[in-house]
C-alpha atoms as a PDB file:
ATOM      1  CA  MET A   1    -127.003  59.339-123.505  1.00  0.00           C
ATOM      2  CA  GLY A   2    -127.306  62.752-125.163  1.00  0.00           C
ATOM      3  CA  ASN A   3    -126.102  64.359-121.928  1.00  0.00           C
ATOM      4  CA  VAL A   4    -123.038  62.095-121.920  1.00  0.00           C
ATOM      5  CA  VAL A   5    -122.174  63.309-125.423  1.00  0.00           C
ATOM      6  CA  VAL A   6    -122.610  66.942-124.298  1.00  0.00           C
ATOM      7  CA  VAL A   7    -120.238  66.420-121.363  1.00  0.00           C
ATOM      8  CA  PHE A   8    -117.700  64.685-123.616  1.00  0.00           C
ATOM      9  CA  HIS A   9    -118.063  67.534-126.118  1.00  0.00           C
ATOM     10  CA  LEU A  10    -117.416  70.128-123.408  1.00  0.00           C
ATOM     11  CA  VAL A  11    -114.386  68.226-122.099  1.00  0.00           C
ATOM     12  CA  PHE A  12    -113.036  67.970-125.646  1.00  0.00           C
ATOM     13  CA  VAL A  13    -113.513  71.708-126.227  1.00  0.00           C
ATOM     14  CA  LEU A  14    -111.736  72.483-122.941  1.00  0.00           C
ATOM     15  CA  PHE A  15    -108.920  70.114-123.924  1.00  0.00           C
ATOM     16  CA  VAL A  16    -108.563  71.855-127.294  1.00  0.00           C
ATOM     17  CA  VAL A  17    -108.432  75.314-125.734  1.00  0.00           C
ATOM     18  CA  PHE A  18    -106.463  74.639-122.551  1.00  0.00           C
ATOM     19  CA  GLY A  19    -104.848  71.230-123.094  1.00  0.00           C
ATOM     20  CA  GLY A  20    -101.610  72.920-124.057  1.00  0.00           C
ATOM     21  CA  VAL A  21    -101.038  73.480-120.349  1.00  0.00           C
ATOM     22  CA  LEU A  22    -100.542  69.713-120.026  1.00  0.00           C
ATOM     23  CA  LEU A  23     -97.583  69.946-122.413  1.00  0.00           C
ATOM     24  CA  VAL A  24     -95.559  71.759-119.797  1.00  0.00           C
ATOM     25  CA  ARG A  25     -95.602  68.608-117.668  1.00  0.00           C
ATOM     26  CA  TRP A  26     -96.234  65.810-120.194  1.00  0.00           C
ATOM     27  CA  ARG A  27     -94.836  66.678-123.613  1.00  0.00           C
ATOM     28  CA  ARG A  28     -96.139  63.459-125.169  1.00  0.00           C
ATOM     29  CA  VAL A  29     -99.660  64.862-124.915  1.00  0.00           C
ATOM     30  CA  VAL A  30     -98.725  66.733-128.097  1.00  0.00           C
ATOM     31  CA  TRP A  31     -99.599  63.618-130.141  1.00  0.00           C
ATOM     32  CA  VAL A  32    -103.229  63.858-129.058  1.00  0.00           C
ATOM     33  CA  HIS A  33    -103.474  67.586-128.443  1.00  0.00           C
ATOM     34  CA  ALA A  34    -102.043  68.929-131.717  1.00  0.00           C
ATOM     35  CA  PRO A  35    -104.554  67.035-133.933  1.00  0.00           C
ATOM     36  CA  SER A  36    -107.350  68.074-131.557  1.00  0.00           C
ATOM     37  CA  VAL A  37    -106.332  71.736-131.855  1.00  0.00           C
ATOM     38  CA  ILE A  38    -106.172  71.494-135.633  1.00  0.00           C
ATOM     39  CA  TRP A  39    -109.637  69.918-135.646  1.00  0.00           C
ATOM     40  CA  GLY A  40    -111.018  72.640-133.346  1.00  0.00           C
ATOM     41  CA  ILE A  41    -109.561  75.430-135.465  1.00  0.00           C
ATOM     42  CA  VAL A  42    -110.888  73.880-138.684  1.00  0.00           C
ATOM     43  CA  VAL A  43    -114.377  73.411-137.213  1.00  0.00           C
ATOM     44  CA  GLU A  44    -114.531  76.968-135.881  1.00  0.00           C
ATOM     45  CA  SER A  45    -112.936  78.603-138.904  1.00  0.00           C
ATOM     46  CA  THR A  46    -114.978  76.818-141.563  1.00  0.00           C
ATOM     47  CA  GLY A  47    -118.330  76.640-139.796  1.00  0.00           C
ATOM     48  CA  TYR A  48    -118.218  72.849-140.115  1.00  0.00           C
ATOM     49  CA  ILE A  49    -120.458  70.987-137.693  1.00  0.00           C
ATOM     50  CA  CYS A  50    -118.583  68.754-135.279  1.00  0.00           C
ATOM     51  CA  PRO A  51    -119.802  65.134-135.556  1.00  0.00           C
ATOM     52  CA  LEU A  52    -120.531  65.135-131.830  1.00  0.00           C
ATOM     53  CA  THR A  53    -123.473  67.501-132.408  1.00  0.00           C
ATOM     54  CA  PRO A  54    -125.482  65.187-134.706  1.00  0.00           C
ATOM     55  CA  ILE A  55    -124.573  62.223-132.492  1.00  0.00           C
ATOM     56  CA  GLU A  56    -125.987  64.063-129.484  1.00  0.00           C
ATOM     57  CA  ASN A  57    -129.147  64.950-131.410  1.00  0.00           C
ATOM     58  CA  LEU A  58    -129.531  61.355-132.594  1.00  0.00           C
ATOM     59  CA  PHE A  59    -129.343  60.039-129.032  1.00  0.00           C
ATOM     60  CA  ARG A  60    -131.871  62.629-127.917  1.00  0.00           C
ATOM     61  CA  GLU A  61    -134.267  61.653-130.706  1.00  0.00           C
ATOM     62  CA  LEU A  62    -133.809  57.951-129.940  1.00  0.00           C
ATOM     63  CA  GLY A  63    -134.609  58.761-126.315  1.00  0.00           C
ATOM     64  CA  GLY A  64    -137.820  60.474-127.380  1.00  0.00           C
ATOM     65  CA  GLU A  65    -136.625  63.984-126.563  1.00  0.00           C
ATOM     66  CA  LEU A  66    -137.639  66.889-128.748  1.00  0.00           C
ATOM     67  CA  GLY A  67    -135.517  69.559-127.146  1.00  0.00           C
ATOM     68  CA  TYR A  68    -133.630  70.600-124.088  1.00  0.00           C
ATOM     69  CA  ARG A  69    -135.704  70.713-120.936  1.00  0.00           C
ATOM     70  CA  GLY A  70    -133.804  72.540-118.248  1.00  0.00           C
ATOM     71  CA  ASP A  71    -131.684  70.017-116.373  1.00  0.00           C
ATOM     72  CA  PHE A  72    -128.263  71.143-115.156  1.00  0.00           C
ATOM     73  CA  LEU A  73    -126.334  70.073-118.250  1.00  0.00           C
ATOM     74  CA  GLU A  74    -128.780  71.630-120.624  1.00  0.00           C
ATOM     75  CA  GLN A  75    -129.159  74.809-118.631  1.00  0.00           C
ATOM     76  CA  TYR A  76    -125.499  75.529-117.959  1.00  0.00           C
ATOM     77  CA  ILE A  77    -123.268  73.511-120.289  1.00  0.00           C
ATOM     78  CA  LEU A  78    -125.148  73.632-123.581  1.00  0.00           C
ATOM     79  CA  PRO A  79    -125.131  77.460-123.795  1.00  0.00           C
ATOM     80  CA  ILE A  80    -121.335  77.347-123.566  1.00  0.00           C
ATOM     81  CA  LEU A  81    -121.115  74.979-126.522  1.00  0.00           C
ATOM     82  CA  TYR A  82    -123.988  76.420-128.538  1.00  0.00           C
ATOM     83  CA  PRO A  83    -124.451  80.099-127.640  1.00  0.00           C
ATOM     84  CA  ILE A  84    -127.486  81.889-129.050  1.00  0.00           C
ATOM     85  CA  GLY A  85    -126.579  84.409-131.726  1.00  0.00           C
ATOM     86  CA  LEU A  86    -123.205  82.875-132.585  1.00  0.00           C
ATOM     87  CA  THR A  87    -122.131  84.456-135.874  1.00  0.00           C
ATOM     88  CA  ARG A  88    -119.594  83.424-138.490  1.00  0.00           C
ATOM     89  CA  GLY A  89    -117.356  86.268-137.322  1.00  0.00           C
ATOM     90  CA  ASP A  90    -117.611  84.994-133.746  1.00  0.00           C
ATOM     91  CA  GLN A  91    -116.539  81.559-134.932  1.00  0.00           C
ATOM     92  CA  LEU A  92    -113.497  82.993-136.692  1.00  0.00           C
ATOM     93  CA  VAL A  93    -112.524  84.890-133.536  1.00  0.00           C
ATOM     94  CA  LEU A  94    -112.917  81.711-131.455  1.00  0.00           C
ATOM     95  CA  GLY A  95    -110.779  79.778-133.935  1.00  0.00           C
ATOM     96  CA  MET A  96    -108.093  82.461-133.750  1.00  0.00           C
ATOM     97  CA  PHE A  97    -108.260  82.448-129.942  1.00  0.00           C
ATOM     98  CA  VAL A  98    -107.687  78.679-129.902  1.00  0.00           C
ATOM     99  CA  PHE A  99    -104.756  79.098-132.284  1.00  0.00           C
ATOM    100  CA  VAL A 100    -103.086  81.925-130.337  1.00  0.00           C
ATOM    101  CA  ILE A 101    -103.512  80.440-126.864  1.00  0.00           C
ATOM    102  CA  ASN A 102    -102.082  77.133-128.038  1.00  0.00           C
ATOM    103  CA  ILE A 103     -99.141  78.780-129.803  1.00  0.00           C
ATOM    104  CA  VAL A 104     -98.289  80.304-126.422  1.00  0.00           C
ATOM    105  CA  PHE A 105     -98.572  76.917-124.637  1.00  0.00           C
ATOM    106  CA  TYR A 106     -96.474  75.156-127.278  1.00  0.00           C
ATOM    107  CA  TRP A 107     -93.864  77.904-127.299  1.00  0.00           C
ATOM    108  CA  TYR A 108     -93.545  77.685-123.530  1.00  0.00           C
ATOM    109  CA  ALA A 109     -93.433  73.873-123.418  1.00  0.00           C
ATOM    110  CA  PHE A 110     -91.068  73.302-126.329  1.00  0.00           C
ATOM    111  CA  ILE A 111     -88.926  76.428-126.678  1.00  0.00           C
ATOM    112  CA  TYR A 112     -88.902  78.568-123.536  1.00  0.00           C
ATOM    113  CA  LYS A 113     -88.779  75.705-121.056  1.00  0.00           C
ATOM    114  CA  LYS A 114     -86.046  73.989-123.064  1.00  0.00           C
ATOM    115  CA  ARG A 115     -83.918  77.160-122.977  1.00  0.00           C
ATOM    116  CA  ILE A 116     -84.294  77.520-119.204  1.00  0.00           C
ATOM    117  CA  TYR A 117     -83.163  73.950-118.518  1.00  0.00           C
ATOM    118  CA  SER A 118     -80.340  73.950-121.062  1.00  0.00           C
ATOM    119  CA  HIS A 119     -78.426  76.720-119.251  1.00  0.00           C
END
């Protein structure tokens, strides 16, 4: 079950960072995406721990696991979510990256695209 939480966590992170692309096609995604982006920026900028992390650890403990033991998810996906040596400065840069990339997606979906089709 811990692995399921890790996969969900990764999908959520990808949605936060790149979900703005969906706005170009389905503008109603904004109602789910915008709060997700705000959450992602707050978590990265403040150093707050996402609730998915303790939930994952709880499931691992309930399953009798003490740590990660080298299966595909743990070997390749976990380092993306929890890189070794991640500093507070790195987190602030990641939060800014999420903010900037999504400003570009939102600008394109709601301003640029609207101008193109209104002429």
